[in-house]
PDB file of N, CA and C in Angstrom:
ATOM      1  N   ASP A   1      22.919 -35.755  15.038  1.00  0.00           N
ATOM      2  CA  ASP A   1      23.620 -34.691  14.392  1.00  0.00           C
ATOM      3  C   ASP A   1      22.399 -33.572  14.861  1.00  0.00           C
ATOM      4  N   ASP A   2      23.118 -32.608  16.134  1.00  0.00           N
ATOM      5  CA  ASP A   2      22.735 -31.359  16.408  1.00  0.00           C
ATOM      6  C   ASP A   2      22.196 -30.469  15.649  1.00  0.00           C
ATOM      7  N   ASN A   3      22.868 -30.981  14.074  1.00  0.00           N
ATOM      8  CA  ASN A   3      22.846 -29.272  13.793  1.00  0.00           C
ATOM      9  C   ASN A   3      22.476 -29.134  12.536  1.00  0.00           C
ATOM     10  N   PHE A   4      21.506 -28.089  11.553  1.00  0.00           N
ATOM     11  CA  PHE A   4      20.222 -27.974  11.051  1.00  0.00           C
ATOM     12  C   PHE A   4      21.384 -27.796   9.356  1.00  0.00           C
ATOM     13  N   PRO A   5      20.975 -28.543   8.206  1.00  0.00           N
ATOM     14  CA  PRO A   5      21.566 -28.525   7.334  1.00  0.00           C
ATOM     15  C   PRO A   5      21.121 -26.828   6.687  1.00  0.00           C
ATOM     16  N   GLY A   6      22.049 -26.075   5.790  1.00  0.00           N
ATOM     17  CA  GLY A   6      21.426 -25.225   5.473  1.00  0.00           C
ATOM     18  C   GLY A   6      22.574 -23.976   6.487  1.00  0.00           C
ATOM     19  N   MET A   7      22.495 -22.807   5.640  1.00  0.00           N
ATOM     20  CA  MET A   7      23.690 -21.520   6.321  1.00  0.00           C
ATOM     21  C   MET A   7      23.086 -20.222   5.880  1.00  0.00           C
ATOM     22  N   THR A   8      22.732 -20.102   5.404  1.00  0.00           N
ATOM     23  CA  THR A   8      21.732 -19.075   4.793  1.00  0.00           C
ATOM     24  C   THR A   8      20.373 -19.247   5.391  1.00  0.00           C
ATOM     25  N   VAL A   9      20.058 -17.633   6.371  1.00  0.00           N
ATOM     26  CA  VAL A   9      18.538 -17.719   6.032  1.00  0.00           C
ATOM     27  C   VAL A   9      18.611 -16.338   5.520  1.00  0.00           C
ATOM     28  N   ASN A  10      17.031 -16.294   4.793  1.00  0.00           N
ATOM     29  CA  ASN A  10      16.916 -16.273   3.646  1.00  0.00           C
ATOM     30  C   ASN A  10      15.420 -15.170   4.031  1.00  0.00           C
ATOM     31  N   LEU A  11      14.916 -13.869   3.627  1.00  0.00           N
ATOM     32  CA  LEU A  11      13.849 -12.849   4.109  1.00  0.00           C
ATOM     33  C   LEU A  11      12.882 -13.428   3.151  1.00  0.00           C
ATOM     34  N   ILE A  12      11.421 -13.845   2.885  1.00  0.00           N
ATOM     35  CA  ILE A  12      11.039 -13.294   1.725  1.00  0.00           C
ATOM     36  C   ILE A  12      10.436 -12.442   1.573  1.00  0.00           C
ATOM     37  N   PHE A  13       9.811 -11.472   1.393  1.00  0.00           N
ATOM     38  CA  PHE A  13       8.985 -10.067   1.172  1.00  0.00           C
ATOM     39  C   PHE A  13       7.886  -9.828   0.290  1.00  0.00           C
ATOM     40  N   ARG A  14       6.786 -10.293  -0.404  1.00  0.00           N
ATOM     41  CA  ARG A  14       5.495 -10.609  -1.194  1.00  0.00           C
ATOM     42  C   ARG A  14       4.462  -9.951  -0.928  1.00  0.00           C
ATOM     43  N   GLY A  15       4.111  -9.123  -2.047  1.00  0.00           N
ATOM     44  CA  GLY A  15       2.426  -8.476  -1.710  1.00  0.00           C
ATOM     45  C   GLY A  15       2.124  -8.865  -2.783  1.00  0.00           C
ATOM     46  N   SER A  16       0.344  -9.210  -2.837  1.00  0.00           N
ATOM     47  CA  SER A  16      -0.099  -9.294  -4.217  1.00  0.00           C
ATOM     48  C   SER A  16      -1.220  -8.942  -4.002  1.00  0.00           C
ATOM     49  N   GLU A  17      -2.334  -8.595  -5.234  1.00  0.00           N
ATOM     50  CA  GLU A  17      -3.530  -7.918  -5.398  1.00  0.00           C
ATOM     51  C   GLU A  17      -4.212  -9.251  -5.445  1.00  0.00           C
ATOM     52  N   LYS A  18      -5.345  -9.499  -5.280  1.00  0.00           N
ATOM     53  CA  LYS A  18      -6.413  -9.502  -5.878  1.00  0.00           C
ATOM     54  C   LYS A  18      -8.057  -9.395  -6.077  1.00  0.00           C
ATOM     55  N   VAL A  19      -8.513  -9.317  -6.840  1.00  0.00           N
ATOM     56  CA  VAL A  19      -9.836  -8.769  -7.087  1.00  0.00           C
ATOM     57  C   VAL A  19     -10.804  -9.682  -7.955  1.00  0.00           C
ATOM     58  N   GLU A  20     -12.007 -10.001  -7.469  1.00  0.00           N
ATOM     59  CA  GLU A  20     -13.426 -10.696  -7.364  1.00  0.00           C
ATOM     60  C   GLU A  20     -14.378 -10.119  -7.915  1.00  0.00           C
ATOM     61  N   TRP A  21     -15.151  -9.836  -8.506  1.00  0.00           N
ATOM     62  CA  TRP A  21     -16.906  -9.314  -9.404  1.00  0.00           C
ATOM     63  C   TRP A  21     -17.435 -10.068  -9.922  1.00  0.00           C
ATOM     64  N   MET A  22     -18.998 -10.198  -9.592  1.00  0.00           N
ATOM     65  CA  MET A  22     -20.068 -10.759 -10.399  1.00  0.00           C
ATOM     66  C   MET A  22     -20.653  -9.387 -11.629  1.00  0.00           C
ATOM     67  N   GLU A  23     -21.058  -9.836 -12.509  1.00  0.00           N
ATOM     68  CA  GLU A  23     -21.790  -9.002 -13.517  1.00  0.00           C
ATOM     69  C   GLU A  23     -23.121  -9.526 -14.125  1.00  0.00           C
ATOM     70  N   GLN A  24     -24.351  -8.461 -13.599  1.00  0.00           N
ATOM     71  CA  GLN A  24     -25.554  -9.597 -14.071  1.00  0.00           C
ATOM     72  C   GLN A  24     -25.448  -9.128 -15.551  1.00  0.00           C
ATOM     73  N   ARG A  25     -25.899  -9.668 -16.628  1.00  0.00           N
ATOM     74  CA  ARG A  25     -26.108 -10.089 -17.539  1.00  0.00           C
ATOM     75  C   ARG A  25     -27.593 -10.695 -17.795  1.00  0.00           C
ATOM     76  N   ASN A  26     -27.875 -10.131 -18.972  1.00  0.00           N
ATOM     77  CA  ASN A  26     -29.206 -10.822 -19.541  1.00  0.00           C
ATOM     78  C   ASN A  26     -29.112 -10.855 -21.124  1.00  0.00           C
ATOM     79  N   LYS A  27     -30.281 -12.161 -21.698  1.00  0.00           N
ATOM     80  CA  LYS A  27     -30.426 -12.616 -22.414  1.00  0.00           C
ATOM     81  C   LYS A  27     -31.636 -12.817 -22.355  1.00  0.00           C
ATOM     82  N   THR A  28     -31.490 -13.140 -24.284  1.00  0.00           N
ATOM     83  CA  THR A  28     -32.697 -13.173 -24.951  1.00  0.00           C
ATOM     84  C   THR A  28     -33.442 -14.350 -25.075  1.00  0.00           C
ATOM     85  N   VAL A  29     -34.710 -15.075 -24.873  1.00  0.00           N
ATOM     86  CA  VAL A  29     -35.103 -16.538 -24.868  1.00  0.00           C
ATOM     87  C   VAL A  29     -36.055 -16.938 -25.903  1.00  0.00           C
ATOM     88  N   ASN A  30     -35.895 -17.655 -26.951  1.00  0.00           N
ATOM     89  CA  ASN A  30     -36.748 -17.196 -28.170  1.00  0.00           C
ATOM     90  C   ASN A  30     -37.839 -18.581 -27.369  1.00  0.00           C
ATOM     91  N   ASP A  31     -39.451 -18.686 -26.764  1.00  0.00           N
ATOM     92  CA  ASP A  31     -40.136 -19.632 -26.462  1.00  0.00           C
ATOM     93  C   ASP A  31     -40.892 -20.688 -27.577  1.00  0.00           C
ATOM     94  N   GLY A  32     -40.801 -20.347 -28.194  1.00  0.00           N
ATOM     95  CA  GLY A  32     -41.751 -20.864 -29.913  1.00  0.00           C
ATOM     96  C   GLY A  32     -43.197 -19.393 -29.623  1.00  0.00           C
ATOM     97  N   GLY A  33     -43.649 -19.320 -29.122  1.00  0.00           N
ATOM     98  CA  GLY A  33     -44.189 -17.706 -29.201  1.00  0.00           C
ATOM     99  C   GLY A  33     -44.484 -16.525 -29.246  1.00  0.00           C
ATOM    100  N   GLY A  34     -42.943 -16.530 -28.277  1.00  0.00           N
ATOM    101  CA  GLY A  34     -42.600 -14.876 -27.919  1.00  0.00           C
ATOM    102  C   GLY A  34     -40.926 -15.348 -27.662  1.00  0.00           C
ATOM    103  N   SER A  35     -40.637 -14.285 -26.500  1.00  0.00           N
ATOM    104  CA  SER A  35     -39.424 -13.723 -26.151  1.00  0.00           C
ATOM    105  C   SER A  35     -39.381 -13.701 -24.663  1.00  0.00           C
ATOM    106  N   ARG A  36     -38.765 -14.483 -23.949  1.00  0.00           N
ATOM    107  CA  ARG A  36     -38.465 -13.699 -22.797  1.00  0.00           C
ATOM    108  C   ARG A  36     -36.963 -13.471 -22.521  1.00  0.00           C
ATOM    109  N   THR A  37     -37.118 -12.542 -21.470  1.00  0.00           N
ATOM    110  CA  THR A  37     -35.291 -12.107 -20.895  1.00  0.00           C
ATOM    111  C   THR A  37     -35.108 -13.415 -19.504  1.00  0.00           C
ATOM    112  N   GLU A  38     -33.952 -13.516 -19.618  1.00  0.00           N
ATOM    113  CA  GLU A  38     -33.543 -14.521 -18.596  1.00  0.00           C
ATOM    114  C   GLU A  38     -32.401 -13.750 -18.201  1.00  0.00           C
ATOM    115  N   VAL A  39     -31.980 -13.833 -16.811  1.00  0.00           N
ATOM    116  CA  VAL A  39     -30.780 -13.058 -16.305  1.00  0.00           C
ATOM    117  C   VAL A  39     -29.575 -14.143 -15.726  1.00  0.00           C
ATOM    118  N   TYR A  40     -28.842 -13.595 -15.981  1.00  0.00           N
ATOM    119  CA  TYR A  40     -27.223 -14.880 -15.388  1.00  0.00           C
ATOM    120  C   TYR A  40     -26.598 -13.809 -15.087  1.00  0.00           C
ATOM    121  N   TYR A  41     -25.105 -14.388 -14.331  1.00  0.00           N
ATOM    122  CA  TYR A  41     -24.249 -13.941 -13.414  1.00  0.00           C
ATOM    123  C   TYR A  41     -23.011 -14.386 -14.130  1.00  0.00           C
ATOM    124  N   VAL A  42     -21.961 -13.659 -14.598  1.00  0.00           N
ATOM    125  CA  VAL A  42     -20.481 -13.901 -15.025  1.00  0.00           C
ATOM    126  C   VAL A  42     -19.862 -13.709 -13.923  1.00  0.00           C
ATOM    127  N   HIS A  43     -18.842 -14.531 -13.936  1.00  0.00           N
ATOM    128  CA  HIS A  43     -17.702 -14.016 -12.305  1.00  0.00           C
ATOM    129  C   HIS A  43     -16.061 -13.747 -12.927  1.00  0.00           C
ATOM    130  N   PHE A  44     -15.755 -13.096 -12.507  1.00  0.00           N
ATOM    131  CA  PHE A  44     -14.343 -11.983 -13.051  1.00  0.00           C
ATOM    132  C   PHE A  44     -13.595 -12.239 -11.839  1.00  0.00           C
ATOM    133  N   SER A  45     -11.882 -12.788 -11.519  1.00  0.00           N
ATOM    134  CA  SER A  45     -11.433 -12.364 -10.280  1.00  0.00           C
ATOM    135  C   SER A  45     -10.085 -12.373 -11.377  1.00  0.00           C
ATOM    136  N   GLY A  46      -8.707 -11.989 -10.943  1.00  0.00           N
ATOM    137  CA  GLY A  46      -7.630 -12.314 -10.864  1.00  0.00           C
ATOM    138  C   GLY A  46      -6.761 -12.088  -9.484  1.00  0.00           C
ATOM    139  N   GLU A  47      -5.724 -12.115 -10.213  1.00  0.00           N
ATOM    140  CA  GLU A  47      -4.203 -12.229  -8.675  1.00  0.00           C
ATOM    141  C   GLU A  47      -2.953 -11.492  -9.781  1.00  0.00           C
ATOM    142  N   ARG A  48      -2.004 -11.125  -8.575  1.00  0.00           N
ATOM    143  CA  ARG A  48      -1.246 -11.046  -9.635  1.00  0.00           C
ATOM    144  C   ARG A  48       0.350 -10.267  -8.261  1.00  0.00           C
ATOM    145  N   ILE A  49       1.547 -10.652  -8.598  1.00  0.00           N
ATOM    146  CA  ILE A  49       2.256 -10.407  -7.753  1.00  0.00           C
ATOM    147  C   ILE A  49       2.456  -9.159  -7.859  1.00  0.00           C
ATOM    148  N   ILE A  50       2.966  -8.717  -7.073  1.00  0.00           N
ATOM    149  CA  ILE A  50       3.055  -7.145  -6.803  1.00  0.00           C
ATOM    150  C   ILE A  50       4.359  -6.550  -6.514  1.00  0.00           C
ATOM    151  N   LEU A  51       5.066  -7.469  -5.813  1.00  0.00           N
ATOM    152  CA  LEU A  51       6.442  -7.238  -5.114  1.00  0.00           C
ATOM    153  C   LEU A  51       6.580  -8.449  -4.794  1.00  0.00           C
ATOM    154  N   GLN A  52       8.145  -8.247  -4.682  1.00  0.00           N
ATOM    155  CA  GLN A  52       8.995  -9.718  -4.425  1.00  0.00           C
ATOM    156  C   GLN A  52      10.341  -9.793  -4.553  1.00  0.00           C
ATOM    157  N   HIS A  53      10.682  -9.491  -3.129  1.00  0.00           N
ATOM    158  CA  HIS A  53      11.983  -9.203  -2.754  1.00  0.00           C
ATOM    159  C   HIS A  53      12.215 -10.701  -1.517  1.00  0.00           C
ATOM    160  N   ARG A  54      13.873 -11.042  -2.115  1.00  0.00           N
ATOM    161  CA  ARG A  54      14.508 -12.170  -1.119  1.00  0.00           C
ATOM    162  C   ARG A  54      15.875 -11.836  -0.978  1.00  0.00           C
ATOM    163  N   PHE A  55      15.861 -10.864   0.892  1.00  0.00           N
ATOM    164  CA  PHE A  55      17.304 -11.291   0.807  1.00  0.00           C
ATOM    165  C   PHE A  55      17.927 -11.950   2.223  1.00  0.00           C
ATOM    166  N   PRO A  56      19.362 -11.847   2.027  1.00  0.00           N
ATOM    167  CA  PRO A  56      19.614 -12.738   3.113  1.00  0.00           C
ATOM    168  C   PRO A  56      19.790 -11.790   4.431  1.00  0.00           C
ATOM    169  N   ILE A  57      19.672 -12.540   5.474  1.00  0.00           N
ATOM    170  CA  ILE A  57      19.717 -11.480   6.860  1.00  0.00           C
ATOM    171  C   ILE A  57      20.408 -12.642   7.632  1.00  0.00           C
ATOM    172  N   TYR A  58      20.919 -13.206   7.619  1.00  0.00           N
ATOM    173  CA  TYR A  58      22.200 -14.352   8.148  1.00  0.00           C
ATOM    174  C   TYR A  58      22.436 -15.306   7.645  1.00  0.00           C
ATOM    175  N   THR A  59      24.055 -15.078   7.430  1.00  0.00           N
ATOM    176  CA  THR A  59      24.688 -16.365   6.704  1.00  0.00           C
ATOM    177  C   THR A  59      25.273 -17.092   7.979  1.00  0.00           C
ATOM    178  N   PHE A  60      25.287 -18.251   8.410  1.00  0.00           N
ATOM    179  CA  PHE A  60      26.316 -18.917   9.178  1.00  0.00           C
ATOM    180  C   PHE A  60      27.686 -19.372   8.437  1.00  0.00           C
ATOM    181  N   THR A  61      28.741 -19.397   8.767  1.00  0.00           N
ATOM    182  CA  THR A  61      30.436 -19.371   8.479  1.00  0.00           C
ATOM    183  C   THR A  61      30.603 -20.703   8.371  1.00  0.00           C
ATOM    184  N   GLN A  62      29.707 -21.580   9.051  1.00  0.00           N
ATOM    185  CA  GLN A  62      30.153 -22.474   9.113  1.00  0.00           C
ATOM    186  C   GLN A  62      29.734 -23.661   8.668  1.00  0.00           C
ATOM    187  N   GLY A  63      29.081 -23.228   7.645  1.00  0.00           N
ATOM    188  CA  GLY A  63      27.871 -24.073   6.496  1.00  0.00           C
ATOM    189  C   GLY A  63      27.027 -24.939   7.028  1.00  0.00           C
ATOM    190  N   PHE A  64      26.881 -24.591   8.846  1.00  0.00           N
ATOM    191  CA  PHE A  64      25.213 -25.474   8.919  1.00  0.00           C
ATOM    192  C   PHE A  64      24.777 -24.245  10.161  1.00  0.00           C
ATOM    193  N   ILE A  65      24.108 -24.695  10.672  1.00  0.00           N
ATOM    194  CA  ILE A  65      23.075 -23.593  11.465  1.00  0.00           C
ATOM    195  C   ILE A  65      23.025 -24.631  12.681  1.00  0.00           C
ATOM    196  N   PRO A  66      24.234 -24.244  13.519  1.00  0.00           N
ATOM    197  CA  PRO A  66      23.935 -24.439  15.081  1.00  0.00           C
ATOM    198  C   PRO A  66      22.514 -24.825  15.617  1.00  0.00           C
ATOM    199  N   LYS A  67      22.476 -25.823  16.605  1.00  0.00           N
ATOM    200  CA  LYS A  67      21.468 -25.890  17.544  1.00  0.00           C
ATOM    201  C   LYS A  67      21.211 -25.066  18.546  1.00  0.00           C
ATOM    202  N   GLY A  68      20.111 -24.522  18.430  1.00  0.00           N
ATOM    203  CA  GLY A  68      19.886 -23.776  19.478  1.00  0.00           C
ATOM    204  C   GLY A  68      18.889 -22.521  19.453  1.00  0.00           C
ATOM    205  N   GLN A  69      18.151 -21.061  19.461  1.00  0.00           N
ATOM    206  CA  GLN A  69      17.179 -20.030  19.089  1.00  0.00           C
ATOM    207  C   GLN A  69      17.634 -18.910  19.050  1.00  0.00           C
ATOM    208  N   TYR A  70      17.432 -18.584  17.791  1.00  0.00           N
ATOM    209  CA  TYR A  70      17.830 -17.443  16.905  1.00  0.00           C
ATOM    210  C   TYR A  70      17.191 -16.097  17.505  1.00  0.00           C
ATOM    211  N   ALA A  71      17.300 -15.179  17.062  1.00  0.00           N
ATOM    212  CA  ALA A  71      16.096 -13.851  16.781  1.00  0.00           C
ATOM    213  C   ALA A  71      16.715 -13.120  16.066  1.00  0.00           C
ATOM    214  N   PHE A  72      16.378 -12.757  14.835  1.00  0.00           N
ATOM    215  CA  PHE A  72      16.900 -11.715  14.088  1.00  0.00           C
ATOM    216  C   PHE A  72      15.680 -10.789  13.663  1.00  0.00           C
ATOM    217  N   PRO A  73      16.341  -9.315  14.294  1.00  0.00           N
ATOM    218  CA  PRO A  73      15.966  -8.001  14.394  1.00  0.00           C
ATOM    219  C   PRO A  73      15.375  -7.948  12.838  1.00  0.00           C
ATOM    220  N   ILE A  74      14.225  -7.195  12.697  1.00  0.00           N
ATOM    221  CA  ILE A  74      13.919  -7.247  10.688  1.00  0.00           C
ATOM    222  C   ILE A  74      13.194  -5.800  10.933  1.00  0.00           C
ATOM    223  N   SER A  75      13.339  -4.831   9.836  1.00  0.00           N
ATOM    224  CA  SER A  75      12.247  -3.739   9.786  1.00  0.00           C
ATOM    225  C   SER A  75      12.408  -3.689   8.016  1.00  0.00           C
ATOM    226  N   VAL A  76      10.826  -3.314   7.594  1.00  0.00           N
ATOM    227  CA  VAL A  76      10.782  -3.798   6.147  1.00  0.00           C
ATOM    228  C   VAL A  76       9.926  -2.453   5.784  1.00  0.00           C
ATOM    229  N   ARG A  77      10.062  -2.008   5.010  1.00  0.00           N
ATOM    230  CA  ARG A  77       9.011  -0.228   4.782  1.00  0.00           C
ATOM    231  C   ARG A  77       8.799  -0.699   3.114  1.00  0.00           C
ATOM    232  N   LEU A  78       7.416  -0.734   2.915  1.00  0.00           N
ATOM    233  CA  LEU A  78       7.474  -0.446   1.490  1.00  0.00           C
ATOM    234  C   LEU A  78       7.505   0.460   0.802  1.00  0.00           C
ATOM    235  N   PRO A  79       8.081  -0.335  -0.186  1.00  0.00           N
ATOM    236  CA  PRO A  79       8.367   0.970  -1.616  1.00  0.00           C
ATOM    237  C   PRO A  79       7.457   2.261  -1.805  1.00  0.00           C
ATOM    238  N   GLN A  80       7.530   3.034  -1.601  1.00  0.00           N
ATOM    239  CA  GLN A  80       6.657   4.276  -2.561  1.00  0.00           C
ATOM    240  C   GLN A  80       5.870   4.167  -3.462  1.00  0.00           C
ATOM    241  N   GLU A  81       6.329   3.605  -4.799  1.00  0.00           N
ATOM    242  CA  GLU A  81       5.485   3.514  -5.476  1.00  0.00           C
ATOM    243  C   GLU A  81       3.803   1.718  -5.176  1.00  0.00           C
ATOM    244  N   VAL A  82       4.322   1.519  -4.347  1.00  0.00           N
ATOM    245  CA  VAL A  82       3.394   0.577  -3.757  1.00  0.00           C
ATOM    246  C   VAL A  82       2.348   0.677  -2.945  1.00  0.00           C
ATOM    247  N   PRO A  83       0.747   0.272  -3.196  1.00  0.00           N
ATOM    248  CA  PRO A  83       0.007   0.848  -2.083  1.00  0.00           C
ATOM    249  C   PRO A  83       0.089  -0.234  -0.630  1.00  0.00           C
ATOM    250  N   GLY A  84      -0.519   0.361  -0.006  1.00  0.00           N
ATOM    251  CA  GLY A  84       0.111  -0.645   1.636  1.00  0.00           C
ATOM    252  C   GLY A  84      -1.488  -1.139   1.674  1.00  0.00           C
ATOM    253  N   SER A  85      -1.710  -2.235   2.373  1.00  0.00           N
ATOM    254  CA  SER A  85      -2.421  -3.573   2.609  1.00  0.00           C
ATOM    255  C   SER A  85      -3.906  -2.660   2.569  1.00  0.00           C
ATOM    256  N   LEU A  86      -4.846  -3.228   1.976  1.00  0.00           N
ATOM    257  CA  LEU A  86      -5.801  -2.973   1.979  1.00  0.00           C
ATOM    258  C   LEU A  86      -7.083  -4.231   1.791  1.00  0.00           C
ATOM    259  N   GLU A  87      -8.701  -3.888   2.396  1.00  0.00           N
ATOM    260  CA  GLU A  87      -9.730  -4.787   1.742  1.00  0.00           C
ATOM    261  C   GLU A  87     -11.043  -3.948   1.780  1.00  0.00           C
ATOM    262  N   ILE A  88     -10.986  -4.340   0.757  1.00  0.00           N
ATOM    263  CA  ILE A  88     -12.507  -3.762   0.342  1.00  0.00           C
ATOM    264  C   ILE A  88     -13.557  -4.876  -0.156  1.00  0.00           C
ATOM    265  N   LYS A  89     -14.709  -5.262   0.261  1.00  0.00           N
ATOM    266  CA  LYS A  89     -15.625  -5.193   0.237  1.00  0.00           C
ATOM    267  C   LYS A  89     -16.900  -4.981  -0.107  1.00  0.00           C
ATOM    268  N   GLU A  90     -17.735  -4.997  -0.876  1.00  0.00           N
ATOM    269  CA  GLU A  90     -18.990  -4.362  -0.848  1.00  0.00           C
ATOM    270  C   GLU A  90     -19.597  -4.955  -2.670  1.00  0.00           C
ATOM    271  N   GLY A  91     -21.002  -5.524  -2.003  1.00  0.00           N
ATOM    272  CA  GLY A  91     -21.972  -6.300  -3.244  1.00  0.00           C
ATOM    273  C   GLY A  91     -21.076  -7.149  -3.467  1.00  0.00           C
ATOM    274  N   SER A  92     -21.237  -7.569  -4.799  1.00  0.00           N
ATOM    275  CA  SER A  92     -20.180  -8.768  -5.318  1.00  0.00           C
ATOM    276  C   SER A  92     -18.708  -8.582  -5.593  1.00  0.00           C
ATOM    277  N   THR A  93     -18.651  -7.380  -5.095  1.00  0.00           N
ATOM    278  CA  THR A  93     -16.825  -7.221  -5.369  1.00  0.00           C
ATOM    279  C   THR A  93     -16.054  -7.126  -4.242  1.00  0.00           C
ATOM    280  N   GLU A  94     -15.241  -8.242  -4.262  1.00  0.00           N
ATOM    281  CA  GLU A  94     -13.624  -8.109  -3.276  1.00  0.00           C
ATOM    282  C   GLU A  94     -12.829  -7.397  -4.249  1.00  0.00           C
ATOM    283  N   ALA A  95     -11.790  -6.896  -2.689  1.00  0.00           N
ATOM    284  CA  ALA A  95     -10.722  -6.193  -3.325  1.00  0.00           C
ATOM    285  C   ALA A  95      -9.385  -6.726  -1.826  1.00  0.00           C
ATOM    286  N   LYS A  96      -8.132  -6.614  -2.360  1.00  0.00           N
ATOM    287  CA  LYS A  96      -7.473  -7.087  -1.322  1.00  0.00           C
ATOM    288  C   LYS A  96      -5.956  -6.954  -2.070  1.00  0.00           C
ATOM    289  N   ILE A  97      -5.545  -6.499  -1.167  1.00  0.00           N
ATOM    290  CA  ILE A  97      -3.487  -5.697  -1.522  1.00  0.00           C
ATOM    291  C   ILE A  97      -2.798  -6.967  -0.238  1.00  0.00           C
ATOM    292  N   THR A  98      -2.682  -7.449  -0.146  1.00  0.00           N
ATOM    293  CA  THR A  98      -1.859  -8.376   1.323  1.00  0.00           C
ATOM    294  C   THR A  98      -0.240  -8.465   0.808  1.00  0.00           C
ATOM    295  N   TYR A  99       0.115  -8.246   1.916  1.00  0.00           N
ATOM    296  CA  TYR A  99       1.938  -8.738   2.400  1.00  0.00           C
ATOM    297  C   TYR A  99       1.944  -9.908   2.847  1.00  0.00           C
ATOM    298  N   PHE A 100       3.280 -10.202   2.440  1.00  0.00           N
ATOM    299  CA  PHE A 100       3.775 -11.926   3.367  1.00  0.00           C
ATOM    300  C   PHE A 100       5.527 -11.729   3.325  1.00  0.00           C
ATOM    301  N   LEU A 101       6.034 -11.838   4.985  1.00  0.00           N
ATOM    302  CA  LEU A 101       6.957 -12.216   5.316  1.00  0.00           C
ATOM    303  C   LEU A 101       6.802 -13.078   5.382  1.00  0.00           C
ATOM    304  N   GLU A 102       7.523 -14.281   4.799  1.00  0.00           N
ATOM    305  CA  GLU A 102       8.447 -16.138   4.789  1.00  0.00           C
ATOM    306  C   GLU A 102       9.555 -15.846   5.239  1.00  0.00           C
ATOM    307  N   ALA A 103      10.273 -16.766   6.346  1.00  0.00           N
ATOM    308  CA  ALA A 103      11.715 -17.053   5.929  1.00  0.00           C
ATOM    309  C   ALA A 103      12.711 -18.480   5.392  1.00  0.00           C
ATOM    310  N   GLU A 104      13.013 -18.476   5.023  1.00  0.00           N
ATOM    311  CA  GLU A 104      13.681 -20.199   4.325  1.00  0.00           C
ATOM    312  C   GLU A 104      15.772 -19.499   5.297  1.00  0.00           C
ATOM    313  N   ILE A 105      15.526 -21.180   4.629  1.00  0.00           N
ATOM    314  CA  ILE A 105      17.209 -21.660   5.022  1.00  0.00           C
ATOM    315  C   ILE A 105      17.286 -22.120   3.917  1.00  0.00           C
ATOM    316  N   LYS A 106      18.629 -21.904   3.309  1.00  0.00           N
ATOM    317  CA  LYS A 106      18.752 -22.245   2.188  1.00  0.00           C
ATOM    318  C   LYS A 106      20.871 -23.019   2.462  1.00  0.00           C
TER     319      LYS A 106
END
């Protein structure tokens, strides 16, 4: 069979932010006759989804997708309340905001 199962092409628009950094910490160690300070580093990180939308861009009414090549013109605008893409690297600090488009067939 040359047809593809499924009938709706969805577009998933997802945005995430990620941050990582290292902090220097000191601790005092007693070594018998005195004490000394040791330096160690603590790694922090976090990530979260800041935007996720799924919307149909085309539905095939016959219940399947006929064999062939398809092009679906799309335009996506970020909502005003979310920031644009960015990438910052400074020392041990790294921060990113990225957006992805993904197509799925259901």
